[in-house]
Protein backbone atom coordinates (compact mmCIF):
# COMPACT_ATOMS: atom_id res chain seq x y z
CA MET A 1 -294.46 -140.06 0.17
CA LYS A 2 -293.43 -137.40 2.24
CA LYS A 3 -295.18 -139.37 5.43
CA ILE A 4 -292.57 -142.66 4.29
CA LEU A 5 -289.83 -140.64 4.24
CA VAL A 6 -290.52 -138.50 7.43
CA LEU A 7 -290.70 -142.12 8.95
CA LEU A 8 -287.69 -143.61 7.81
CA THR A 9 -285.63 -140.57 8.51
CA THR A 10 -286.68 -141.10 12.11
CA VAL A 11 -285.96 -145.25 11.69
CA LEU A 12 -282.85 -143.80 11.08
CA LEU A 13 -282.18 -141.15 13.65
CA LEU A 14 -283.35 -143.60 16.16
CA VAL A 15 -281.11 -146.73 15.55
CA GLY A 16 -277.77 -143.94 14.80
CA GLN A 17 -279.09 -142.47 18.35
CA PHE A 18 -279.44 -146.09 19.86
CA ILE A 19 -275.77 -147.44 18.23
CA TYR A 20 -273.86 -144.22 19.22
CA ALA A 21 -275.42 -144.47 22.65
CA GLN A 22 -274.35 -148.31 23.19
CA ASN A 23 -270.83 -147.29 22.23
CA LYS A 24 -270.58 -144.53 24.32
CA THR A 25 -272.15 -146.68 27.39
CA GLU A 26 -269.71 -149.65 26.46
CA ASN A 27 -266.37 -147.17 26.18
CA ALA A 28 -267.51 -145.47 29.73
CA ILE A 29 -267.78 -148.99 31.11
CA LEU A 30 -264.46 -150.22 29.76
CA SER A 31 -263.19 -147.06 31.06
CA MET A 32 -264.64 -147.04 34.24
CA ASP A 33 -263.43 -150.86 34.45
CA LYS A 34 -260.36 -150.92 32.82
CA LYS A 35 -257.24 -148.64 31.87
CA PRO A 36 -255.99 -149.32 28.30
CA PHE A 37 -253.00 -150.51 29.57
CA TYR A 38 -252.21 -152.62 33.03
CA LEU A 39 -249.13 -154.41 34.12
CA GLU A 40 -249.23 -158.00 35.93
CA SER A 41 -246.79 -160.18 38.01
CA GLY A 42 -246.69 -163.05 39.89
CA LEU A 43 -244.76 -166.71 40.09
CA ASN A 44 -244.28 -169.88 38.01
CA LEU A 45 -244.07 -173.42 38.74
CA SER A 46 -243.69 -176.12 36.30
CA LEU A 47 -242.27 -179.66 35.24
CA PRO A 48 -240.90 -180.54 32.08
CA VAL A 49 -243.00 -182.97 30.19
CA HIS A 50 -240.46 -184.40 27.97
CA ILE A 51 -238.94 -187.31 28.73
CA GLU A 52 -235.25 -186.78 28.22
CA MET A 53 -235.54 -183.89 30.45
CA TYR A 54 -238.07 -185.33 32.77
CA ARG A 55 -235.14 -188.04 33.09
CA SER A 56 -232.52 -185.56 34.97
CA HIS A 57 -234.49 -182.55 35.79
CA ARG A 58 -237.91 -182.07 37.82
CA LEU A 59 -239.19 -178.76 39.52
CA ALA A 60 -238.96 -175.19 38.27
CA VAL A 61 -239.62 -172.19 40.21
CA GLY A 62 -239.79 -168.61 38.17
CA VAL A 63 -241.06 -165.07 38.20
CA ASN A 64 -243.03 -163.29 35.46
CA VAL A 65 -243.83 -159.58 34.43
CA ARG A 66 -246.27 -159.07 31.95
CA ALA A 67 -247.37 -155.69 30.25
CA GLY A 68 -251.01 -155.57 28.58
CA LYS A 69 -253.07 -153.42 25.90
CA ILE A 70 -256.73 -153.76 26.14
CA ILE A 71 -258.27 -153.54 22.74
CA SER A 72 -261.28 -154.80 23.61
CA ARG A 73 -263.58 -156.51 26.34
CA LYS A 74 -262.43 -159.72 24.43
CA LEU A 75 -258.93 -158.84 23.14
CA GLU A 76 -255.72 -158.08 24.51
CA LEU A 77 -252.24 -157.31 23.09
CA GLY A 78 -249.17 -157.96 25.33
CA ILE A 79 -245.71 -158.97 25.82
CA ARG A 80 -244.27 -160.97 28.95
CA PHE A 81 -240.80 -161.54 30.54
CA ASP A 82 -240.16 -165.01 32.47
CA TYR A 83 -237.45 -166.33 34.36
CA ASP A 84 -237.20 -169.95 35.66
CA TYR A 85 -234.63 -171.79 37.38
CA ARG A 86 -234.97 -175.97 36.83
CA PHE A 87 -233.61 -177.79 39.39
CA ILE A 88 -232.15 -181.49 38.50
CA LYS A 89 -233.54 -184.85 39.92
CA LYS A 90 -232.54 -185.28 44.05
CA ASN A 91 -229.72 -187.28 44.40
CA SER A 92 -228.88 -187.72 40.53
CA ARG A 93 -225.73 -185.91 40.26
CA ILE A 94 -222.94 -188.86 40.45
CA LEU A 95 -219.71 -187.59 38.22
CA THR A 96 -216.69 -188.88 37.89
CA PRO A 97 -213.10 -186.88 36.58
CA GLU A 98 -213.71 -188.01 33.27
CA SER A 99 -217.53 -187.07 32.78
CA THR A 100 -217.89 -184.56 29.94
CA LEU A 101 -219.07 -181.15 30.23
CA GLU A 102 -222.56 -182.38 28.68
CA GLU A 103 -222.65 -184.82 31.46
CA ARG A 104 -222.10 -182.23 33.97
CA ALA A 105 -224.36 -180.04 32.28
CA LEU A 106 -226.93 -182.69 32.71
CA HIS A 107 -227.03 -183.27 35.93
CA SER A 108 -226.87 -179.26 37.34
CA ASN A 109 -229.68 -176.62 37.43
CA PHE A 110 -230.21 -174.01 34.89
CA SER A 111 -232.22 -170.89 34.14
CA LEU A 112 -234.01 -170.30 31.18
CA PHE A 113 -234.94 -166.43 30.34
CA SER A 114 -237.99 -165.69 27.65
CA ILE A 115 -239.26 -162.32 26.29
CA LYS A 116 -242.64 -163.25 24.61
CA PRO A 117 -245.56 -161.41 22.85
CA ASN A 118 -248.55 -163.18 23.01
CA VAL A 119 -252.73 -162.00 22.38
CA GLN A 120 -254.96 -163.03 24.84
CA PHE A 121 -259.04 -163.48 24.35
CA ASN A 122 -261.08 -162.66 27.44
CA LEU A 123 -264.83 -164.47 28.33
CA ASN A 124 -266.25 -163.00 31.36
CA ASN A 125 -263.74 -164.07 34.11
CA TRP A 126 -262.21 -166.97 32.18
CA TYR A 127 -258.97 -166.26 29.72
CA TRP A 128 -256.70 -167.87 26.93
CA GLY A 129 -253.84 -166.60 25.13
CA VAL A 130 -251.02 -167.80 23.05
CA GLU A 131 -247.50 -166.27 23.11
CA THR A 132 -244.18 -166.70 20.91
CA GLY A 133 -240.88 -165.24 21.45
CA VAL A 134 -236.95 -165.76 22.23
CA GLY A 135 -235.37 -168.02 25.23
CA TYR A 136 -231.79 -167.55 26.44
CA ALA A 137 -231.12 -170.89 28.74
CA LEU A 138 -228.00 -170.59 31.16
CA SER A 139 -226.34 -173.65 32.86
CA ASP A 140 -224.88 -173.34 36.40
CA GLU A 141 -222.42 -175.68 35.15
CA ASP A 142 -221.20 -173.98 31.87
CA GLY A 143 -223.16 -170.83 30.64
CA LYS A 144 -222.03 -171.38 27.29
CA ILE A 145 -223.50 -174.56 26.97
CA GLY A 146 -226.70 -173.89 27.57
CA LEU A 147 -229.46 -176.81 26.85
CA GLY A 148 -226.56 -178.32 24.99
CA PHE A 149 -226.85 -181.24 27.24
CA VAL A 150 -229.94 -182.65 25.29
CA SER A 151 -228.78 -185.11 22.89
CA GLU A 152 -231.02 -183.15 20.04
CA TYR A 153 -229.02 -180.77 20.15
CA ALA A 154 -226.01 -181.86 19.87
CA ARG A 155 -224.17 -178.78 20.78
CA ASP A 156 -224.11 -175.34 22.78
CA GLN A 157 -227.28 -174.39 22.55
CA GLN A 158 -227.87 -171.19 24.59
CA PHE A 159 -230.37 -169.69 22.07
CA GLY A 160 -234.34 -170.95 21.42
CA LEU A 161 -237.94 -170.11 20.17
CA CYS A 162 -240.07 -169.54 23.51
CA SER A 163 -243.47 -170.34 23.01
CA GLY A 164 -246.53 -170.83 24.98
CA LEU A 165 -250.27 -171.52 25.29
CA TYR A 166 -252.52 -170.77 28.43
CA PHE A 167 -255.53 -171.02 29.80
CA GLY A 168 -256.64 -169.50 33.37
CA LYS A 169 -259.46 -167.63 35.40
CA SER A 170 -259.14 -164.07 37.16
CA PHE A 171 -260.51 -163.45 40.68
CA ILE A 172 -261.55 -160.19 42.03
CA ILE A 173 -260.34 -160.07 45.70
CA GLY A 174 -261.74 -157.36 48.58
CA ALA A 175 -263.10 -154.25 48.69
CA LYS A 176 -260.62 -152.36 46.52
CA LYS A 177 -261.38 -155.08 43.38
CA THR A 178 -257.86 -156.56 43.61
CA LYS A 179 -257.52 -158.61 40.55
CA VAL A 180 -255.84 -162.08 40.77
CA ASN A 181 -255.09 -164.53 37.92
CA LEU A 182 -254.33 -168.17 38.18
CA SER A 183 -253.34 -169.90 34.66
CA MET A 184 -252.09 -173.21 33.32
CA ASP A 185 -249.17 -172.82 30.87
CA LEU A 186 -247.76 -175.06 28.42
CA THR A 187 -244.66 -174.31 27.45
CA GLN A 188 -241.35 -174.74 24.92
CA PHE A 189 -238.11 -174.27 24.04
CA LEU A 190 -237.13 -175.24 20.18
CA ALA A 191 -234.23 -175.07 18.61
CA HIS A 192 -233.05 -177.57 15.26
CA GLY A 193 -235.98 -179.08 15.28
CA HIS A 194 -236.25 -180.07 18.97
CA ALA A 195 -238.61 -178.77 21.76
CA GLU A 196 -238.71 -179.55 25.45
CA ASN A 197 -242.09 -178.95 26.80
CA SER A 198 -242.94 -177.96 30.68
CA LEU A 199 -246.30 -178.00 32.49
CA GLY A 200 -246.82 -175.52 34.97
CA LEU A 201 -249.18 -172.42 36.81
CA ARG A 202 -248.82 -169.07 37.18
CA ILE A 203 -250.59 -167.13 39.91
CA ASN A 204 -250.34 -163.15 38.80
CA TYR A 205 -251.35 -159.87 40.66
CA ARG A 206 -252.72 -156.70 37.89
CA PHE A 207 -251.01 -153.62 38.93
CA LEU A 208 -252.29 -150.34 37.63
CA ASN A 209 -255.68 -152.00 37.09
């Protein structure tokens, strides 16, 4: 009986020591490879994929900033600020003195600002995430109309829900292990049950890594 107790105690000690060592090693690797918080910033390029918006607008160019907190090797929480400026279709601005505000805004460039908390999942150098927050649209024709030129909104529409789904890969560059992230993003602006979607690319440089 005593031998069995001694054996069990020894096994439990060995298992406990092994688990402690594994956790300590994991934490040490995590602290060496990554800091708990980081900041990244970069460029956005996107096209509208909804037919109504695509009839009048084309490329959007913008910037984004994301702050992230590493929870584990596979999970991160973050918050992203996006700014995109979308251009009208080439040679589409054909207006008359009788054109309404909605018609003039339909053929004008506009800006879209958004702030979105997100959850990101990592697998080696690949990652994917979901994000949702609020957006604010500002038309060059008249800031008060926002995206009100979209027929489904049928009113001034400056504010809406902004969300996105993204999938990308991280690249380590140079001796200083500079991290660059490249992702494909599907985003939307939602109001009154109608969503205007866009598909694009983000390229980000990570700071404080």
